[in-house]
């Protein structure tokens, strides 16, 4: 007869199965159906969702069965399949953590495009599945798994062949985890150094932003210069000219030559009429590809009237892309933290199984079962596109039912 504590474990297991399966299927559907998410960076998430669904459907139901019926012995073939698949799927999860960390490292800390191709990503995902399968297969060929009283599932926990158990466990569980942790540490250090460089540059001479557009009116090219304080907020993309078009304002503009004109007139002051100001507002608000942006740094020094200017290439979508990359990296690091919290206790217990009580294994396996249920929650909380995708699919399902 099951105890009250075991019934609590059964209920939590049942909830985790439902959340994992539903959340995993939603994640796969959202990534597949939404063009904004159909990118290489999200392919490992879809693959990881498949591993989570398989783990929840293969491990938790039979663990519940073993709790309710301790004397139940599954058929040898089923026991072999369950024992082998559970350790493989646990390894697949940690190799996915390494795959994601490696992808983030190359994206943020290097200029390499090695992992930007579909071919490279497919190879990485194949390795995340094949390495655990191949590593544990010889062990399960020479050994027959049996129901472990501590784990309450089929495993090789009672096997005395440490020479066959330790190498694949280190290769599949320990090495990928340490490597992923190292990559995330390098990413964190890179981001910290970048922030320090930005802060150091911010204390230098005052910088202003210059925008070069295509020819407007009779001008070959116009550079609007405004103080950087006007661009410090999300609405700061609009210049001060956009606030009140009805007022005449004198604005410093730099006339840059259009390609092939050979002209270079700079430092002209020109009052802007209402129509020009409105047109400028429309141009600044428009994020079109035919607009060229350059950043100009103007140095103002006391007692000097000389202005120094230099231009560097700048993309109109650079800030948005960098912000999106930071958000994706934060989500992936949170995913790694959730994996650490859920899977690492059980991994350490398995290495010292002879000294770990059965109750500790129950807690460890329960945490491992919750990992698949927490992953979709992390996706939804930390990624706006995935969250909107979840909402849209749920709305469709509810509309279909009602």
Protein backbone atom coordinates (compact mmCIF):
# COMPACT_ATOMS: atom_id res chain seq x y z
CA UNK A 1 0.00 0.00 0.00
CA UNK A 2 1.41 3.38 -1.04
CA UNK A 3 2.06 5.97 1.64
CA UNK A 4 0.84 9.58 1.67
CA UNK A 5 4.26 10.79 0.52
CA UNK A 6 4.22 8.37 -2.41
CA UNK A 7 0.78 9.62 -3.45
CA UNK A 8 2.17 13.15 -3.47
CA UNK A 9 4.97 11.95 -5.74
CA UNK A 10 2.42 10.28 -8.02
CA UNK A 11 0.31 13.45 -8.29
CA UNK A 12 3.36 15.62 -9.05
CA UNK A 13 4.47 13.07 -11.63
CA UNK A 14 1.07 13.10 -13.30
CA UNK A 15 1.05 16.90 -13.50
CA UNK A 16 4.60 16.96 -14.88
CA UNK A 17 3.66 14.45 -17.61
CA UNK A 18 0.74 16.59 -18.79
CA UNK A 19 2.68 19.88 -18.67
CA UNK A 20 5.72 18.38 -20.38
CA UNK A 21 3.79 16.78 -23.23
CA UNK A 22 1.49 19.77 -23.82
CA UNK A 23 4.29 22.31 -23.41
CA UNK A 24 6.67 20.36 -25.63
CA UNK A 25 4.10 19.96 -28.42
CA UNK A 26 3.20 23.65 -28.18
CA UNK A 27 6.87 24.61 -28.44
CA UNK A 28 7.39 22.46 -31.53
CA UNK A 29 4.22 23.82 -33.17
CA UNK A 30 5.09 27.43 -32.39
CA UNK A 31 8.62 27.14 -33.77
CA UNK A 32 7.32 25.34 -36.86
CA UNK A 33 4.38 27.62 -37.64
CA UNK A 34 5.64 31.12 -36.77
CA UNK A 35 8.03 32.61 -39.37
CA UNK A 36 9.69 34.81 -36.73
CA UNK A 37 10.73 31.67 -34.80
CA UNK A 38 11.63 29.45 -37.76
CA UNK A 39 15.34 30.12 -37.29
CA UNK A 40 18.44 28.03 -36.69
CA UNK A 41 18.76 29.29 -33.13
CA UNK A 42 15.42 27.69 -32.20
CA UNK A 43 16.03 24.29 -33.81
CA UNK A 44 17.79 22.90 -30.68
CA UNK A 45 14.76 23.95 -28.61
CA UNK A 46 12.44 21.88 -30.81
CA UNK A 47 14.82 18.92 -30.60
CA UNK A 48 15.09 19.28 -26.81
CA UNK A 49 11.28 19.37 -26.57
CA UNK A 50 11.17 16.00 -28.36
CA UNK A 51 13.61 14.56 -25.80
CA UNK A 52 11.55 15.98 -22.93
CA UNK A 53 8.33 14.45 -24.29
CA UNK A 54 9.97 11.03 -24.70
CA UNK A 55 11.45 11.17 -21.19
CA UNK A 56 8.10 12.10 -19.65
CA UNK A 57 6.16 9.39 -21.48
CA UNK A 58 8.71 6.59 -20.95
CA UNK A 59 10.00 7.24 -17.45
CA UNK A 60 7.24 8.76 -15.29
CA UNK A 61 4.33 6.38 -16.11
CA UNK A 62 6.35 3.26 -15.33
CA UNK A 63 7.76 4.88 -12.21
CA UNK A 64 4.19 5.50 -11.02
CA UNK A 65 3.36 1.87 -11.80
CA UNK A 66 6.35 0.71 -9.77
CA UNK A 67 5.33 2.90 -6.81
CA UNK A 68 1.77 1.57 -6.80
CA UNK A 69 2.85 -2.05 -7.40
CA UNK A 70 6.33 -2.61 -5.89
CA UNK A 71 6.24 -6.33 -6.71
CA UNK A 72 5.58 -5.74 -10.42
CA UNK A 73 8.31 -7.02 -12.72
CA UNK A 74 8.21 -5.77 -16.31
CA UNK A 75 9.11 -8.20 -19.12
CA UNK A 76 12.88 -8.42 -19.75
CA UNK A 77 12.66 -6.77 -23.17
CA UNK A 78 10.59 -3.88 -21.81
CA UNK A 79 12.91 -3.52 -18.82
CA UNK A 80 15.92 -3.39 -21.14
CA UNK A 81 14.28 -0.76 -23.35
CA UNK A 82 13.21 1.39 -20.40
CA UNK A 83 16.58 1.22 -18.67
CA UNK A 84 18.49 2.04 -21.85
CA UNK A 85 16.16 4.81 -23.09
CA UNK A 86 16.05 6.66 -19.76
CA UNK A 87 19.84 7.03 -19.45
CA UNK A 88 20.09 7.93 -23.15
CA UNK A 89 17.39 10.62 -22.93
CA UNK A 90 19.03 12.07 -19.83
CA UNK A 91 22.28 12.26 -21.78
CA UNK A 92 20.49 13.82 -24.76
CA UNK A 93 19.30 16.64 -22.51
CA UNK A 94 22.79 17.54 -21.32
CA UNK A 95 24.29 17.30 -24.82
CA UNK A 96 21.60 19.72 -25.98
CA UNK A 97 22.80 22.12 -23.27
CA UNK A 98 26.29 21.90 -24.77
CA UNK A 99 24.94 22.37 -28.31
CA UNK A 100 23.04 25.52 -27.29
CA UNK A 101 25.98 26.94 -25.31
CA UNK A 102 28.36 26.34 -28.23
CA UNK A 103 25.95 28.03 -30.63
CA UNK A 104 25.61 31.06 -28.32
CA UNK A 105 29.39 31.32 -27.86
CA UNK A 106 30.11 31.44 -31.59
CA UNK A 107 27.29 33.93 -32.10
CA UNK A 108 28.31 36.38 -29.36
CA UNK A 109 32.03 36.00 -28.71
CA UNK A 110 33.39 35.36 -32.21
CA UNK A 111 32.94 36.58 -35.76
CA UNK A 112 32.94 33.04 -37.08
CA UNK A 113 30.06 31.84 -39.26
CA UNK A 114 30.97 28.20 -38.73
CA UNK A 115 27.72 27.31 -36.94
CA UNK A 116 25.44 29.59 -38.97
CA UNK A 117 24.74 27.02 -41.67
CA UNK A 118 21.94 24.47 -41.65
CA UNK A 119 24.44 21.72 -42.47
CA UNK A 120 26.51 22.41 -39.32
CA UNK A 121 23.41 22.59 -37.14
CA UNK A 122 22.08 19.27 -38.43
CA UNK A 123 25.41 17.60 -37.66
CA UNK A 124 25.41 19.05 -34.13
CA UNK A 125 21.85 17.87 -33.43
CA UNK A 126 22.63 14.40 -34.77
CA UNK A 127 25.61 14.20 -32.43
CA UNK A 128 23.49 15.25 -29.45
CA UNK A 129 21.36 12.16 -30.04
CA UNK A 130 23.93 9.69 -31.37
CA UNK A 131 26.68 10.19 -28.76
CA UNK A 132 24.51 9.08 -25.79
CA UNK A 133 23.01 6.21 -27.81
CA UNK A 134 26.36 4.83 -28.93
CA UNK A 135 28.08 5.42 -25.58
CA UNK A 136 25.62 3.41 -23.46
CA UNK A 137 24.74 0.71 -25.99
CA UNK A 138 27.75 -1.61 -25.29
CA UNK A 139 27.03 -1.49 -21.56
CA UNK A 140 23.40 -2.51 -22.05
CA UNK A 141 24.38 -5.24 -24.50
CA UNK A 142 26.63 -7.03 -22.00
CA UNK A 143 24.44 -6.31 -18.94
CA UNK A 144 20.78 -7.02 -18.32
CA UNK A 145 18.98 -4.21 -16.47
CA UNK A 146 16.74 -5.11 -13.56
CA UNK A 147 14.34 -3.22 -11.29
CA UNK A 148 16.37 -1.31 -8.71
CA UNK A 149 14.63 -1.10 -5.30
CA UNK A 150 16.14 2.33 -4.63
CA UNK A 151 15.35 3.86 -8.01
CA UNK A 152 12.07 1.94 -8.46
CA UNK A 153 12.84 1.54 -12.16
CA UNK A 154 14.86 -0.67 -14.49
CA UNK A 155 18.55 0.20 -14.39
CA UNK A 156 22.06 -1.14 -14.03
CA UNK A 157 22.48 0.44 -10.59
CA UNK A 158 23.33 -2.88 -8.98
CA UNK A 159 25.90 -3.84 -11.61
CA UNK A 160 29.45 -4.25 -10.30
CA UNK A 161 31.09 -3.53 -13.66
CA UNK A 162 32.30 -0.03 -12.88
CA UNK A 163 34.79 -0.14 -15.74
CA UNK A 164 31.85 -0.29 -18.14
CA UNK A 165 29.60 2.22 -16.34
CA UNK A 166 31.92 5.10 -15.50
CA UNK A 167 33.45 5.97 -18.93
CA UNK A 168 30.11 6.49 -20.77
CA UNK A 169 28.67 8.35 -17.78
CA UNK A 170 31.63 10.75 -17.75
CA UNK A 171 31.57 11.16 -21.54
CA UNK A 172 27.83 11.79 -21.79
CA UNK A 173 26.96 13.53 -18.52
CA UNK A 174 30.06 15.13 -17.02
CA UNK A 175 32.09 16.37 -20.01
CA UNK A 176 29.19 18.10 -21.86
CA UNK A 177 28.00 19.76 -18.65
CA UNK A 178 31.45 21.13 -17.77
CA UNK A 179 31.96 22.29 -21.37
CA UNK A 180 28.58 24.07 -21.45
CA UNK A 181 29.36 25.72 -18.11
CA UNK A 182 32.72 26.88 -19.47
CA UNK A 183 31.14 28.36 -22.61
CA UNK A 184 28.54 30.28 -20.60
CA UNK A 185 31.30 31.58 -18.31
CA UNK A 186 33.22 32.83 -21.36
CA UNK A 187 30.05 34.49 -22.68
CA UNK A 188 29.45 36.19 -19.34
CA UNK A 189 33.03 37.49 -19.21
CA UNK A 190 32.79 38.74 -22.80
CA UNK A 191 29.57 40.63 -22.07
CA UNK A 192 31.03 42.12 -18.87
CA UNK A 193 34.12 43.37 -20.70
CA UNK A 194 31.97 44.84 -23.47
CA UNK A 195 29.90 46.75 -20.91
CA UNK A 196 33.05 48.13 -19.29
CA UNK A 197 34.33 49.34 -22.66
CA UNK A 198 31.02 51.03 -23.39
CA UNK A 199 31.00 52.72 -19.98
CA UNK A 200 34.60 53.87 -20.44
CA UNK A 201 33.77 55.41 -23.81
CA UNK A 202 30.69 57.07 -22.35
CA UNK A 203 32.88 59.20 -20.05
CA UNK A 204 34.83 60.59 -23.01
CA UNK A 205 33.93 63.58 -25.22
CA UNK A 206 30.24 64.12 -25.90
CA UNK A 207 28.99 62.04 -28.79
CA UNK A 208 26.13 62.78 -31.07
CA UNK A 209 24.40 60.62 -33.61
CA UNK A 210 24.29 61.54 -37.28
CA UNK A 211 21.88 60.06 -39.77
CA UNK A 212 22.63 60.22 -43.48
CA UNK A 213 19.69 59.78 -45.80
CA UNK A 214 19.24 59.52 -49.51
CA UNK A 215 18.92 62.83 -51.44
CA UNK A 216 16.05 64.95 -50.16
CA UNK A 217 14.83 67.88 -52.23
CA UNK A 218 17.74 69.78 -53.74
CA UNK A 219 20.23 68.44 -51.19
CA UNK A 220 22.50 65.62 -52.24
CA UNK A 221 22.43 64.13 -48.73
CA UNK A 222 21.52 65.45 -45.34
CA UNK A 223 22.96 64.64 -41.94
CA UNK A 224 20.79 65.54 -38.96
CA UNK A 225 22.76 65.93 -35.73
CA UNK A 226 21.02 65.88 -32.36
CA UNK A 227 22.09 65.45 -28.77
CA UNK A 228 22.40 61.86 -27.58
CA UNK A 229 19.99 62.53 -24.70
CA UNK A 230 17.15 62.57 -27.20
CA UNK A 231 17.90 58.99 -28.15
CA UNK A 232 18.33 57.53 -24.69
CA UNK A 233 14.83 56.10 -24.45
CA UNK A 234 12.79 53.82 -26.64
CA UNK A 235 11.04 56.85 -28.13
CA UNK A 236 14.32 58.61 -28.60
CA UNK A 237 14.55 57.57 -32.23
CA UNK A 238 12.58 60.72 -33.02
CA UNK A 239 14.62 63.92 -33.10
CA UNK A 240 13.59 67.15 -31.45
CA UNK A 241 12.31 68.32 -34.83
CA UNK A 242 9.57 65.71 -34.64
CA UNK A 243 8.08 67.01 -31.42
CA UNK A 244 6.44 70.11 -32.81
CA UNK A 245 6.53 70.57 -36.59
CA UNK A 246 4.68 73.91 -36.35
CA UNK A 247 7.68 75.65 -34.76
CA UNK A 248 10.58 77.01 -36.78
CA UNK A 249 13.84 75.57 -35.52
CA UNK A 250 17.42 76.12 -36.54
CA UNK A 251 19.24 72.82 -36.74
CA UNK A 252 22.85 72.03 -37.47
CA UNK A 253 22.95 69.89 -40.59
CA UNK A 254 25.86 68.37 -42.48
CA UNK A 255 25.50 68.10 -46.24
CA UNK A 256 27.15 64.93 -47.49
CA UNK A 257 27.64 64.19 -51.18
CA UNK A 258 25.60 61.54 -52.87
CA UNK A 259 27.63 58.77 -54.46
CA UNK A 260 29.34 60.07 -57.54
CA UNK A 261 28.68 63.82 -57.04
CA UNK A 262 32.03 64.68 -55.53
CA UNK A 263 30.52 67.40 -53.31
CA UNK A 264 31.40 67.82 -49.65
CA UNK A 265 29.69 70.77 -47.97
CA UNK A 266 29.66 70.60 -44.20
CA UNK A 267 28.65 72.73 -41.27
CA UNK A 268 25.74 74.61 -42.86
CA UNK A 269 22.90 75.93 -40.74
CA UNK A 270 19.48 75.85 -42.28
CA UNK A 271 16.06 76.62 -40.82
CA UNK A 272 13.61 73.87 -41.54
CA UNK A 273 10.11 74.66 -42.69
CA UNK A 274 7.00 72.84 -41.45
CA UNK A 275 6.88 70.59 -44.50
CA UNK A 276 10.58 69.71 -44.24
CA UNK A 277 10.25 68.95 -40.52
CA UNK A 278 7.28 66.68 -41.13
CA UNK A 279 9.15 64.99 -43.94
CA UNK A 280 12.17 64.54 -41.72
CA UNK A 281 10.00 62.98 -39.03
CA UNK A 282 8.57 60.55 -41.52
CA UNK A 283 12.05 59.67 -42.79
CA UNK A 284 13.43 59.15 -39.28
CA UNK A 285 10.49 56.99 -38.25
CA UNK A 286 10.66 54.89 -41.40
CA UNK A 287 12.82 51.79 -41.04
CA UNK A 288 13.44 51.09 -44.68
CA UNK A 289 16.38 49.48 -46.30
CA UNK A 290 17.16 52.38 -48.61
CA UNK A 291 18.19 54.54 -45.64
CA UNK A 292 21.91 54.62 -44.89
CA UNK A 293 23.06 55.31 -41.36
CA UNK A 294 26.43 56.55 -40.18
CA UNK A 295 27.55 57.42 -36.70
CA UNK A 296 29.44 60.70 -36.38
CA UNK A 297 31.39 61.61 -33.30
CA UNK A 298 31.76 65.32 -32.59
CA UNK A 299 34.34 66.36 -30.02
CA UNK A 300 33.60 69.55 -28.08
CA UNK A 301 36.56 70.87 -26.12
CA UNK A 302 36.76 73.99 -23.95
CA UNK A 303 38.42 76.92 -25.71
CA UNK A 304 38.36 75.21 -29.09
CA UNK A 305 36.01 75.86 -31.95
CA UNK A 306 37.40 73.04 -34.01
CA UNK A 307 35.09 70.07 -34.56
CA UNK A 308 36.40 66.66 -35.49
CA UNK A 309 34.18 64.19 -37.25
CA UNK A 310 34.55 60.63 -38.39
CA UNK A 311 32.00 58.20 -39.77
CA UNK A 312 31.63 54.50 -39.20
CA UNK A 313 29.13 52.04 -40.74
CA UNK A 314 25.95 51.49 -38.76
CA UNK A 315 22.90 49.37 -39.41
CA UNK A 316 19.39 50.53 -38.60
CA UNK A 317 18.53 47.15 -37.09
CA UNK A 318 21.76 46.71 -35.10
CA UNK A 319 20.32 47.75 -31.75
CA UNK A 320 17.25 45.55 -32.17
CA UNK A 321 19.35 42.57 -33.21
CA UNK A 322 21.77 42.94 -30.29
CA UNK A 323 18.88 43.29 -27.83
CA UNK A 324 17.24 40.19 -29.28
CA UNK A 325 20.50 38.24 -29.04
CA UNK A 326 20.92 39.27 -25.40
CA UNK A 327 17.39 38.13 -24.62
CA UNK A 328 17.95 34.78 -26.36
CA UNK A 329 21.21 34.28 -24.47
CA UNK A 330 19.51 35.04 -21.14
CA UNK A 331 16.82 32.49 -21.95
CA UNK A 332 19.41 29.83 -22.85
CA UNK A 333 21.36 30.49 -19.66
CA UNK A 334 18.16 30.18 -17.63
CA UNK A 335 17.50 26.89 -19.45
CA UNK A 336 20.93 25.68 -18.38
CA UNK A 337 20.28 26.78 -14.79
CA UNK A 338 16.98 24.85 -14.75
CA UNK A 339 18.76 21.76 -16.07
CA UNK A 340 21.41 22.11 -13.36
CA UNK A 341 18.76 22.36 -10.66
CA UNK A 342 16.73 19.41 -11.94
CA UNK A 343 19.20 16.88 -13.33
CA UNK A 344 22.52 17.37 -11.57
CA UNK A 345 21.36 16.14 -8.12
CA UNK A 346 20.27 12.81 -9.63
CA UNK A 347 23.46 12.58 -11.69
CA UNK A 348 25.62 12.99 -8.59
CA UNK A 349 23.49 10.49 -6.66
CA UNK A 350 23.99 7.85 -9.35
CA UNK A 351 27.78 8.18 -9.05
CA UNK A 352 27.53 7.55 -5.28
CA UNK A 353 24.45 5.32 -5.34
CA UNK A 354 25.70 2.97 -2.62
CA UNK A 355 25.73 5.79 -0.06
CA UNK A 356 22.49 7.52 -1.08
CA UNK A 357 19.18 6.52 0.59
CA UNK A 358 16.08 5.65 -1.41
CA UNK A 359 14.25 8.81 -0.29
CA UNK A 360 16.97 11.00 -1.78
CA UNK A 361 16.68 9.14 -5.08
CA UNK A 362 12.93 9.77 -5.06
CA UNK A 363 13.50 13.52 -4.70
CA UNK A 364 16.22 13.48 -7.37
CA UNK A 365 14.07 11.59 -9.87
CA UNK A 366 11.13 13.88 -9.18
CA UNK A 367 13.29 16.91 -9.94
CA UNK A 368 14.48 15.26 -13.15
CA UNK A 369 10.89 14.61 -14.18
CA UNK A 370 10.03 18.29 -13.59
CA UNK A 371 12.77 19.50 -15.94
CA UNK A 372 10.69 18.87 -19.05
CA UNK A 373 7.71 20.69 -17.52
CA UNK A 374 9.77 23.76 -16.59
CA UNK A 375 11.42 24.21 -20.00
CA UNK A 376 8.26 25.43 -21.84
CA UNK A 377 7.59 27.80 -18.94
CA UNK A 378 11.06 29.29 -19.39
CA UNK A 379 10.45 29.69 -23.13
CA UNK A 380 7.12 31.43 -22.58
CA UNK A 381 8.31 33.75 -19.81
CA UNK A 382 11.54 34.87 -21.45
CA UNK A 383 10.63 34.95 -25.16
CA UNK A 384 7.85 37.24 -26.33
CA UNK A 385 7.41 35.52 -29.72
CA UNK A 386 7.07 32.07 -28.15
CA UNK A 387 4.66 33.45 -25.56
CA UNK A 388 2.49 35.00 -28.28
CA UNK A 389 2.66 31.73 -30.20
CA UNK A 390 1.42 29.78 -27.17
CA UNK A 391 -1.44 32.24 -26.75
CA UNK A 392 -2.46 32.09 -30.41
CA UNK A 393 -2.56 28.28 -30.45
CA UNK A 394 -4.56 28.15 -27.20
CA UNK A 395 -7.02 30.69 -28.60
CA UNK A 396 -7.49 28.56 -31.71
CA UNK A 397 -8.03 25.43 -29.66
CA UNK A 398 -10.55 27.13 -27.39
CA UNK A 399 -12.41 28.64 -30.35
CA UNK A 400 -12.54 25.23 -32.00
CA UNK A 401 -13.91 23.57 -28.86
CA UNK A 402 -16.44 26.27 -28.08
